[in-house]
Structures are given as C-alpha cells and as structure tokens.
Protein backbone atom coordinates (compact mmCIF):
# COMPACT_ATOMS: atom_id res chain seq x y z
CA MET A 1 15.98 145.54 116.67
CA THR A 2 17.80 142.67 117.26
CA GLU A 3 20.89 142.57 118.71
CA ARG A 4 22.74 140.71 115.62
CA ALA A 5 21.26 143.10 113.40
CA ARG A 6 22.10 146.26 115.51
CA GLN A 7 25.87 145.01 115.56
CA ARG A 8 25.98 144.46 111.42
CA LEU A 9 24.93 147.90 111.12
CA LEU A 10 27.63 149.20 113.59
CA ASP A 11 30.36 146.97 111.57
CA ALA A 12 28.76 148.79 108.50
CA LEU A 13 29.27 151.98 110.23
CA ASP A 14 32.74 151.34 111.24
CA ALA A 15 33.53 150.42 107.71
CA CYS A 16 32.16 153.82 106.50
CA GLU A 17 33.99 155.59 109.24
CA THR A 18 37.35 154.05 108.13
CA ILE A 19 36.97 155.07 104.53
CA VAL A 20 36.50 158.80 105.48
CA SER A 21 39.66 158.89 107.54
CA PHE A 22 41.66 156.95 104.40
CA VAL A 23 40.34 159.39 102.02
CA GLN A 24 40.04 162.53 103.67
CA ASP A 25 42.75 165.17 102.89
CA LYS A 26 43.08 163.17 99.69
CA THR A 27 42.56 164.26 96.14
CA LEU A 28 41.35 162.22 93.22
CA ASP A 29 44.92 162.22 91.47
CA ASP A 30 46.15 161.03 95.11
CA TYR A 31 43.54 158.10 95.20
CA GLU A 32 43.88 157.17 91.50
CA GLY A 33 47.66 157.00 92.05
CA ASP A 34 47.40 154.78 95.21
CA VAL A 35 46.43 151.28 94.59
CA GLN A 36 46.56 150.36 98.36
CA LEU A 37 44.21 152.94 98.89
CA GLN A 38 41.70 151.71 96.43
CA LEU A 39 42.00 148.17 97.47
CA ALA A 40 41.26 149.46 101.07
CA THR A 41 38.42 151.10 99.96
CA GLU A 42 36.92 148.58 97.87
CA ARG A 43 37.42 145.90 100.30
CA LEU A 44 35.37 148.46 102.86
CA LEU A 45 32.71 148.96 100.29
CA THR A 46 32.09 145.39 99.84
CA ILE A 47 32.15 144.80 103.92
CA ILE A 48 29.56 147.55 104.12
CA GLY A 49 27.13 145.50 101.71
CA GLU A 50 27.89 142.51 103.26
CA ALA A 51 27.35 143.95 106.58
CA CYS A 52 23.96 145.57 105.65
CA ASN A 53 23.32 142.20 104.12
CA GLN A 54 23.77 140.53 106.97
CA ALA A 55 21.68 142.77 108.95
CA VAL A 56 18.47 142.51 106.96
CA ARG A 57 19.04 138.41 107.28
CA ALA A 58 19.03 139.18 110.74
CA GLN A 59 15.79 141.25 110.90
CA PRO A 60 13.97 140.99 107.97
CA ASP A 61 11.77 144.43 108.09
CA LEU A 62 14.99 146.61 107.87
CA GLY A 63 14.92 146.12 104.39
CA SER A 64 11.27 147.79 104.39
CA ARG A 65 12.57 150.46 107.28
CA ILE A 66 15.57 151.71 106.03
CA PRO A 67 15.13 151.29 102.16
CA GLU A 68 18.85 152.49 101.32
CA LEU A 69 19.74 148.88 102.51
CA GLN A 70 18.86 147.61 99.17
CA LYS A 71 20.99 150.13 97.26
CA VAL A 72 24.05 149.29 100.00
CA MET A 73 23.86 145.76 99.77
CA ALA A 74 23.78 145.63 95.57
CA CYS A 75 26.82 148.03 95.69
CA GLY A 76 28.84 145.27 97.69
CA ILE A 77 27.41 142.66 95.90
CA ALA A 78 28.68 144.44 92.39
CA LEU A 79 32.25 144.96 93.87
CA PHE A 80 32.88 141.29 95.13
CA MET A 81 31.65 140.19 91.94
CA ASP A 82 34.06 142.57 90.22
CA THR A 83 37.13 141.70 92.30
CA ILE A 84 36.02 137.77 91.74
CA LEU A 85 36.25 138.61 87.62
CA LEU A 86 39.49 140.68 87.62
CA MET A 87 40.91 137.83 89.92
CA THR A 88 40.10 135.01 87.16
CA ARG A 89 40.94 137.19 84.20
CA SER A 90 44.73 137.51 85.99
CA LEU A 91 44.81 134.02 85.71
CA GLY A 92 44.15 133.79 82.63
CA ARG A 93 40.44 132.00 82.98
CA PRO A 94 38.03 133.02 80.47
C-alpha cells in the first residue's frame, strides 16, 4: 500500500474513532436533541468518505481489494451534497 493511501485510511479510522467517542453513552434522543453532535457526526462522516476517496485515488486497486470503500465514499458524497442543498435552501436559493 502506498504511504498516501495508508495515511488517508488512517485519517478515516481516526474520524471513525472520534465519532464513537462522541456517541458512546448517548441515546437516540440525546443525539436528536443535540444539533452540535449531529453536525459534528455528519462532518466526520463526510471526512471519512473523502479520506477513502483520496486513498483510492492514491492507490486505485484499493477499490477492488476493499469493496466496502465504494459504499463509504458514496455515503460521504451524499452527506456533502445534502449539506450543500440545505445551505442553498436556507439562503433562499432554488
């Protein structure tokens, strides 16, 4: 594995561990009532998706060696696009 791909996967792992530390001992009601926690979690999920995307760019065969990366990248992209859409709507743009 290239060093760049390895580092990006470690970035994704770090973001995963951060999410776990944020949500452990939280209930769904806690999560739903804490906008800051929601935003932090969504941001970290976006970081995970982008880190996996960068890892595959650095080493294209990772996509076939770790098929789950495609799902993770798609999740990150979807969250990013949802964020852009929400921001656009909140600014009154179509």
